Amino acid sequence: MIDVWFHIDPSSGVPIYRQIVDQIKHAVAGGTLRPGDRLPAVRELAIELAVNPNTIAKAYQDLERAGIIETSRGRGTFVAEGSVQMTGRERVESLEPIVDRLVAEARLLGMSDDELLRLVEEKIAERSRTRQDG
């Protein structure tokens, strides 16, 4: 099973199940989660995040309907083969809230636009090196 890190923000105004859906979509689209990777069981993730198991189940159901994950009774929940099916516009719409939060946080920390861009470029370069090495 892949080790997935979730960040749930109960005060964000975005429903928790939606935060989970979005984070799994991003992990799949970004290559952190790959087809065939096993996701945590509903109860296991609910305990880890301290949320109701029904919240996790709802997120997994949405992801399964979207063809991003598949559940096999007795085996677990896995990233579906061919699961990266977002259009360019969907990818942008999916990332916009994250970028908005990143820019807002950077401004609160007093970072300049150039500093933020440099940081993002460094992280992209790190990811590229990690993918090439792995």
N, C-alpha and C. Protein backbone atom coordinates (compact mmCIF):
# COMPACT_ATOMS: atom_id res chain seq x y z
N MET A 1 0.85 -1.19 0.00
CA MET A 1 0.00 0.00 0.00
C MET A 1 0.89 1.24 0.00
N ILE A 2 0.47 2.21 -0.77
CA ILE A 2 1.22 3.46 -0.88
C ILE A 2 0.94 4.33 0.34
N ASP A 3 1.91 5.08 0.78
CA ASP A 3 1.73 5.97 1.93
C ASP A 3 1.24 7.32 1.42
N VAL A 4 -0.02 7.62 1.66
CA VAL A 4 -0.63 8.85 1.16
C VAL A 4 -0.79 9.81 2.33
N TRP A 5 -0.37 11.04 2.12
CA TRP A 5 -0.51 12.07 3.15
C TRP A 5 -1.64 12.99 2.76
N PHE A 6 -2.59 13.16 3.68
CA PHE A 6 -3.72 14.04 3.44
C PHE A 6 -3.64 15.21 4.41
N HIS A 7 -4.06 16.34 3.92
CA HIS A 7 -4.17 17.51 4.79
C HIS A 7 -5.63 17.94 4.76
N ILE A 8 -6.31 17.75 5.87
CA ILE A 8 -7.72 18.11 5.96
C ILE A 8 -7.82 19.42 6.74
N ASP A 9 -8.54 20.37 6.18
CA ASP A 9 -8.73 21.66 6.83
C ASP A 9 -10.22 21.85 7.09
N PRO A 10 -10.68 21.52 8.30
CA PRO A 10 -12.11 21.61 8.63
C PRO A 10 -12.66 23.03 8.51
N SER A 11 -11.80 24.04 8.58
CA SER A 11 -12.28 25.42 8.53
C SER A 11 -12.25 26.02 7.13
N SER A 12 -11.90 25.21 6.12
CA SER A 12 -11.74 25.75 4.76
C SER A 12 -13.06 26.08 4.06
N GLY A 13 -14.15 25.50 4.52
CA GLY A 13 -15.42 25.71 3.82
C GLY A 13 -15.65 24.66 2.74
N VAL A 14 -14.61 23.91 2.39
CA VAL A 14 -14.73 22.82 1.41
C VAL A 14 -15.05 21.56 2.20
N PRO A 15 -16.11 20.84 1.82
CA PRO A 15 -16.45 19.62 2.56
C PRO A 15 -15.25 18.67 2.63
N ILE A 16 -15.13 17.97 3.74
CA ILE A 16 -13.98 17.09 3.96
C ILE A 16 -13.90 16.02 2.87
N TYR A 17 -15.04 15.43 2.49
CA TYR A 17 -14.99 14.39 1.46
C TYR A 17 -14.43 14.96 0.16
N ARG A 18 -14.77 16.23 -0.14
CA ARG A 18 -14.29 16.89 -1.36
C ARG A 18 -12.78 17.14 -1.29
N GLN A 19 -12.29 17.49 -0.09
CA GLN A 19 -10.85 17.67 0.09
C GLN A 19 -10.11 16.36 -0.19
N ILE A 20 -10.68 15.26 0.28
CA ILE A 20 -10.06 13.94 0.06
C ILE A 20 -10.09 13.60 -1.43
N VAL A 21 -11.24 13.80 -2.07
CA VAL A 21 -11.36 13.54 -3.51
C VAL A 21 -10.31 14.35 -4.28
N ASP A 22 -10.24 15.64 -3.99
CA ASP A 22 -9.31 16.51 -4.71
C ASP A 22 -7.87 16.09 -4.49
N GLN A 23 -7.53 15.73 -3.27
CA GLN A 23 -6.14 15.35 -2.98
C GLN A 23 -5.76 14.04 -3.67
N ILE A 24 -6.68 13.10 -3.73
CA ILE A 24 -6.38 11.85 -4.44
C ILE A 24 -6.27 12.12 -5.94
N LYS A 25 -7.16 12.94 -6.48
CA LYS A 25 -7.06 13.29 -7.90
C LYS A 25 -5.72 13.93 -8.21
N HIS A 26 -5.28 14.84 -7.36
CA HIS A 26 -4.00 15.51 -7.58
C HIS A 26 -2.84 14.54 -7.48
N ALA A 27 -2.92 13.62 -6.52
CA ALA A 27 -1.85 12.63 -6.36
C ALA A 27 -1.76 11.73 -7.58
N VAL A 28 -2.91 11.37 -8.16
CA VAL A 28 -2.92 10.54 -9.36
C VAL A 28 -2.40 11.34 -10.55
N ALA A 29 -2.94 12.54 -10.72
CA ALA A 29 -2.54 13.38 -11.86
C ALA A 29 -1.06 13.74 -11.79
N GLY A 30 -0.54 13.91 -10.57
CA GLY A 30 0.86 14.29 -10.41
C GLY A 30 1.82 13.12 -10.39
N GLY A 31 1.29 11.90 -10.44
CA GLY A 31 2.15 10.73 -10.47
C GLY A 31 2.57 10.21 -9.11
N THR A 32 2.12 10.86 -8.02
CA THR A 32 2.42 10.37 -6.68
C THR A 32 1.73 9.03 -6.47
N LEU A 33 0.49 8.93 -6.94
CA LEU A 33 -0.24 7.67 -6.96
C LEU A 33 -0.29 7.18 -8.40
N ARG A 34 0.02 5.92 -8.59
CA ARG A 34 0.05 5.35 -9.95
C ARG A 34 -0.96 4.22 -10.06
N PRO A 35 -1.40 3.91 -11.27
CA PRO A 35 -2.33 2.80 -11.44
C PRO A 35 -1.82 1.54 -10.75
N GLY A 36 -2.73 0.92 -10.00
CA GLY A 36 -2.39 -0.28 -9.26
C GLY A 36 -2.00 -0.04 -7.82
N ASP A 37 -1.67 1.21 -7.46
CA ASP A 37 -1.33 1.52 -6.08
C ASP A 37 -2.55 1.31 -5.19
N ARG A 38 -2.33 0.73 -4.02
CA ARG A 38 -3.42 0.47 -3.08
C ARG A 38 -3.61 1.67 -2.16
N LEU A 39 -4.85 2.06 -1.97
CA LEU A 39 -5.20 3.15 -1.06
C LEU A 39 -5.54 2.57 0.31
N PRO A 40 -5.47 3.40 1.34
CA PRO A 40 -5.86 2.92 2.68
C PRO A 40 -7.32 2.49 2.69
N ALA A 41 -7.63 1.53 3.54
CA ALA A 41 -9.02 1.10 3.73
C ALA A 41 -9.82 2.26 4.31
N VAL A 42 -11.12 2.25 4.09
CA VAL A 42 -12.00 3.32 4.56
C VAL A 42 -11.82 3.55 6.06
N ARG A 43 -11.91 2.49 6.85
CA ARG A 43 -11.80 2.65 8.31
C ARG A 43 -10.43 3.13 8.73
N GLU A 44 -9.41 2.58 8.10
CA GLU A 44 -8.03 2.97 8.42
C GLU A 44 -7.81 4.47 8.17
N LEU A 45 -8.28 4.96 7.01
CA LEU A 45 -8.12 6.38 6.68
C LEU A 45 -8.98 7.25 7.59
N ALA A 46 -10.18 6.77 7.92
CA ALA A 46 -11.06 7.52 8.82
C ALA A 46 -10.40 7.71 10.18
N ILE A 47 -9.76 6.67 10.68
CA ILE A 47 -9.07 6.77 11.97
C ILE A 47 -7.89 7.72 11.85
N GLU A 48 -7.10 7.58 10.80
CA GLU A 48 -5.92 8.43 10.61
C GLU A 48 -6.29 9.91 10.53
N LEU A 49 -7.41 10.22 9.84
CA LEU A 49 -7.82 11.61 9.66
C LEU A 49 -8.80 12.08 10.73
N ALA A 50 -9.22 11.18 11.60
CA ALA A 50 -10.20 11.49 12.65
C ALA A 50 -11.49 12.06 12.06
N VAL A 51 -12.00 11.35 11.05
CA VAL A 51 -13.27 11.73 10.43
C VAL A 51 -14.18 10.50 10.38
N ASN A 52 -15.44 10.74 10.13
CA ASN A 52 -16.43 9.67 10.04
C ASN A 52 -16.11 8.77 8.84
N PRO A 53 -16.16 7.44 9.02
CA PRO A 53 -15.91 6.54 7.90
C PRO A 53 -16.83 6.79 6.70
N ASN A 54 -18.05 7.29 6.96
CA ASN A 54 -18.96 7.59 5.85
C ASN A 54 -18.40 8.69 4.95
N THR A 55 -17.62 9.59 5.53
CA THR A 55 -17.00 10.67 4.76
C THR A 55 -15.99 10.08 3.78
N ILE A 56 -15.17 9.14 4.25
CA ILE A 56 -14.19 8.48 3.39
C ILE A 56 -14.90 7.66 2.33
N ALA A 57 -15.94 6.93 2.75
CA ALA A 57 -16.70 6.10 1.81
C ALA A 57 -17.29 6.95 0.70
N LYS A 58 -17.83 8.12 1.04
CA LYS A 58 -18.41 9.01 0.03
C LYS A 58 -17.33 9.49 -0.94
N ALA A 59 -16.16 9.84 -0.42
CA ALA A 59 -15.05 10.28 -1.29
C ALA A 59 -14.65 9.15 -2.23
N TYR A 60 -14.50 7.95 -1.69
CA TYR A 60 -14.11 6.80 -2.52
C TYR A 60 -15.18 6.51 -3.57
N GLN A 61 -16.46 6.64 -3.20
CA GLN A 61 -17.54 6.40 -4.17
C GLN A 61 -17.46 7.40 -5.32
N ASP A 62 -17.24 8.68 -5.00
CA ASP A 62 -17.09 9.70 -6.05
C ASP A 62 -15.92 9.37 -6.96
N LEU A 63 -14.80 8.97 -6.38
CA LEU A 63 -13.61 8.65 -7.15
C LEU A 63 -13.83 7.40 -8.01
N GLU A 64 -14.58 6.45 -7.48
CA GLU A 64 -14.86 5.24 -8.25
C GLU A 64 -15.78 5.55 -9.42
N ARG A 65 -16.80 6.38 -9.18
CA ARG A 65 -17.69 6.79 -10.28
C ARG A 65 -16.93 7.52 -11.37
N ALA A 66 -15.91 8.27 -10.98
CA ALA A 66 -15.10 9.03 -11.94
C ALA A 66 -14.06 8.15 -12.63
N GLY A 67 -13.96 6.89 -12.22
CA GLY A 67 -13.02 5.97 -12.85
C GLY A 67 -11.58 6.16 -12.38
N ILE A 68 -11.39 6.83 -11.27
CA ILE A 68 -10.04 7.10 -10.78
C ILE A 68 -9.54 5.97 -9.88
N ILE A 69 -10.45 5.37 -9.13
CA ILE A 69 -10.09 4.23 -8.28
C ILE A 69 -11.06 3.09 -8.55
N GLU A 70 -10.67 1.91 -8.11
CA GLU A 70 -11.56 0.75 -8.19
C GLU A 70 -11.42 -0.06 -6.92
N THR A 71 -12.54 -0.58 -6.46
CA THR A 71 -12.56 -1.36 -5.22
C THR A 71 -12.84 -2.80 -5.56
N SER A 72 -12.03 -3.66 -4.99
CA SER A 72 -12.20 -5.09 -5.17
C SER A 72 -12.49 -5.69 -3.80
N ARG A 73 -13.69 -6.24 -3.64
CA ARG A 73 -14.09 -6.80 -2.34
C ARG A 73 -13.05 -7.80 -1.86
N GLY A 74 -12.62 -7.59 -0.64
CA GLY A 74 -11.65 -8.51 -0.04
C GLY A 74 -10.20 -8.18 -0.38
N ARG A 75 -9.97 -7.40 -1.41
CA ARG A 75 -8.59 -7.06 -1.82
C ARG A 75 -8.23 -5.63 -1.44
N GLY A 76 -9.19 -4.71 -1.57
CA GLY A 76 -8.91 -3.33 -1.23
C GLY A 76 -9.29 -2.36 -2.33
N THR A 77 -8.81 -1.14 -2.18
CA THR A 77 -9.10 -0.06 -3.11
C THR A 77 -7.80 0.35 -3.78
N PHE A 78 -7.85 0.45 -5.11
CA PHE A 78 -6.64 0.69 -5.91
C PHE A 78 -6.87 1.82 -6.90
N VAL A 79 -5.78 2.47 -7.28
CA VAL A 79 -5.85 3.44 -8.37
C VAL A 79 -6.12 2.66 -9.64
N ALA A 80 -7.12 3.10 -10.39
CA ALA A 80 -7.55 2.39 -11.60
C ALA A 80 -6.53 2.55 -12.72
N GLU A 81 -6.44 1.53 -13.55
CA GLU A 81 -5.61 1.63 -14.76
C GLU A 81 -6.22 2.71 -15.66
N GLY A 82 -5.38 3.52 -16.26
CA GLY A 82 -5.87 4.59 -17.14
C GLY A 82 -6.67 5.64 -16.40
N SER A 83 -6.33 5.88 -15.14
CA SER A 83 -7.14 6.75 -14.31
C SER A 83 -6.93 8.24 -14.55
N VAL A 84 -5.86 8.63 -15.22
CA VAL A 84 -5.61 10.05 -15.46
C VAL A 84 -6.36 10.44 -16.73
N GLN A 85 -7.58 10.95 -16.55
CA GLN A 85 -8.42 11.26 -17.68
C GLN A 85 -8.96 12.69 -17.62
N MET A 86 -8.25 13.55 -16.93
CA MET A 86 -8.69 14.93 -16.82
C MET A 86 -8.31 15.70 -18.08
N THR A 87 -9.20 16.57 -18.49
CA THR A 87 -8.86 17.46 -19.60
C THR A 87 -7.96 18.57 -19.07
N GLY A 88 -7.36 19.31 -19.97
CA GLY A 88 -6.50 20.43 -19.57
C GLY A 88 -7.25 21.41 -18.69
N ARG A 89 -8.47 21.74 -19.08
CA ARG A 89 -9.28 22.68 -18.30
C ARG A 89 -9.61 22.13 -16.91
N GLU A 90 -9.93 20.82 -16.85
CA GLU A 90 -10.24 20.20 -15.55
C GLU A 90 -9.02 20.24 -14.63
N ARG A 91 -7.84 20.01 -15.21
CA ARG A 91 -6.63 20.07 -14.39
C ARG A 91 -6.44 21.48 -13.83
N VAL A 92 -6.65 22.48 -14.67
CA VAL A 92 -6.49 23.87 -14.22
C VAL A 92 -7.52 24.18 -13.13
N GLU A 93 -8.77 23.82 -13.36
CA GLU A 93 -9.82 24.08 -12.37
C GLU A 93 -9.55 23.35 -11.07
N SER A 94 -8.97 22.18 -11.16
CA SER A 94 -8.67 21.40 -9.98
C SER A 94 -7.54 22.03 -9.16
N LEU A 95 -6.58 22.63 -9.83
CA LEU A 95 -5.43 23.20 -9.14
C LEU A 95 -5.61 24.65 -8.72
N GLU A 96 -6.55 25.36 -9.33
CA GLU A 96 -6.72 26.78 -9.01
C GLU A 96 -6.89 27.06 -7.52
N PRO A 97 -7.73 26.32 -6.79
CA PRO A 97 -7.88 26.62 -5.36
C PRO A 97 -6.57 26.42 -4.58
N ILE A 98 -5.79 25.44 -4.98
CA ILE A 98 -4.52 25.19 -4.30
C ILE A 98 -3.54 26.32 -4.58
N VAL A 99 -3.49 26.76 -5.83
CA VAL A 99 -2.60 27.86 -6.19
C VAL A 99 -3.04 29.14 -5.49
N ASP A 100 -4.34 29.37 -5.42
CA ASP A 100 -4.86 30.55 -4.71
C ASP A 100 -4.40 30.54 -3.25
N ARG A 101 -4.52 29.37 -2.60
CA ARG A 101 -4.09 29.26 -1.20
C ARG A 101 -2.59 29.46 -1.07
N LEU A 102 -1.83 28.90 -2.01
CA LEU A 102 -0.37 29.04 -1.98
C LEU A 102 0.03 30.51 -2.09
N VAL A 103 -0.57 31.22 -3.04
CA VAL A 103 -0.25 32.64 -3.23
C VAL A 103 -0.64 33.43 -1.99
N ALA A 104 -1.80 33.15 -1.44
CA ALA A 104 -2.25 33.87 -0.24
C ALA A 104 -1.30 33.62 0.93
N GLU A 105 -0.90 32.36 1.13
CA GLU A 105 0.03 32.02 2.21
C GLU A 105 1.38 32.71 2.00
N ALA A 106 1.86 32.70 0.76
CA ALA A 106 3.15 33.34 0.46
C ALA A 106 3.09 34.83 0.78
N ARG A 107 1.99 35.46 0.42
CA ARG A 107 1.84 36.90 0.70
C ARG A 107 1.80 37.16 2.20
N LEU A 108 1.08 36.29 2.93
CA LEU A 108 1.02 36.44 4.39
C LEU A 108 2.41 36.30 5.03
N LEU A 109 3.25 35.49 4.40
CA LEU A 109 4.60 35.28 4.90
C LEU A 109 5.58 36.34 4.40
N GLY A 110 5.08 37.26 3.57
CA GLY A 110 5.91 38.34 3.08
C GLY A 110 6.81 37.97 1.91
N MET A 111 6.51 36.86 1.22
CA MET A 111 7.32 36.47 0.07
C MET A 111 6.99 37.33 -1.13
N SER A 112 8.00 37.63 -1.91
CA SER A 112 7.78 38.34 -3.17
C SER A 112 7.33 37.33 -4.22
N ASP A 113 6.77 37.85 -5.31
CA ASP A 113 6.36 36.98 -6.41
C ASP A 113 7.55 36.21 -6.95
N ASP A 114 8.70 36.88 -7.07
CA ASP A 114 9.90 36.23 -7.58
C ASP A 114 10.35 35.09 -6.66
N GLU A 115 10.27 35.31 -5.34
CA GLU A 115 10.66 34.26 -4.39
C GLU A 115 9.72 33.06 -4.52
N LEU A 116 8.44 33.33 -4.64
CA LEU A 116 7.47 32.25 -4.77
C LEU A 116 7.69 31.47 -6.07
N LEU A 117 7.88 32.19 -7.17
CA LEU A 117 8.13 31.52 -8.45
C LEU A 117 9.40 30.66 -8.38
N ARG A 118 10.43 31.19 -7.76
CA ARG A 118 11.69 30.45 -7.62
C ARG A 118 11.46 29.16 -6.81
N LEU A 119 10.71 29.28 -5.73
CA LEU A 119 10.40 28.11 -4.90
C LEU A 119 9.63 27.05 -5.70
N VAL A 120 8.63 27.49 -6.45
CA VAL A 120 7.84 26.55 -7.25
C VAL A 120 8.73 25.89 -8.31
N GLU A 121 9.56 26.66 -8.96
CA GLU A 121 10.47 26.10 -9.97
C GLU A 121 11.42 25.07 -9.35
N GLU A 122 11.92 25.36 -8.14
CA GLU A 122 12.80 24.42 -7.46
C GLU A 122 12.07 23.10 -7.17
N LYS A 123 10.83 23.22 -6.71
CA LYS A 123 10.05 22.02 -6.40
C LYS A 123 9.75 21.20 -7.65
N ILE A 124 9.48 21.88 -8.74
CA ILE A 124 9.25 21.17 -10.01
C ILE A 124 10.52 20.44 -10.43
N ALA A 125 11.65 21.10 -10.31
CA ALA A 125 12.93 20.48 -10.66
C ALA A 125 13.21 19.26 -9.77
N GLU A 126 12.91 19.38 -8.47
CA GLU A 126 13.09 18.26 -7.55
C GLU A 126 12.23 17.07 -7.98
N ARG A 127 10.98 17.35 -8.31
CA ARG A 127 10.06 16.29 -8.75
C ARG A 127 10.57 15.61 -10.00
N SER A 128 11.08 16.40 -10.94
CA SER A 128 11.60 15.84 -12.19
C SER A 128 12.78 14.92 -11.90
N ARG A 129 13.67 15.35 -11.00
CA ARG A 129 14.82 14.51 -10.65
C ARG A 129 14.36 13.22 -9.96
N THR A 130 13.38 13.33 -9.08
CA THR A 130 12.88 12.17 -8.37
C THR A 130 12.27 11.17 -9.33
N ARG A 131 11.51 11.63 -10.30
CA ARG A 131 10.90 10.74 -11.29
C ARG A 131 11.96 10.06 -12.14
N GLN A 132 13.01 10.79 -12.52
CA GLN A 132 14.07 10.22 -13.35
C GLN A 132 14.86 9.18 -12.57
N ASP A 133 15.05 9.44 -11.28
CA ASP A 133 15.82 8.51 -10.44
C ASP A 133 15.00 7.26 -10.08
N GLY A 134 13.67 7.45 -9.96
CA GLY A 134 12.81 6.35 -9.51
C GLY A 134 12.30 5.59 -10.62
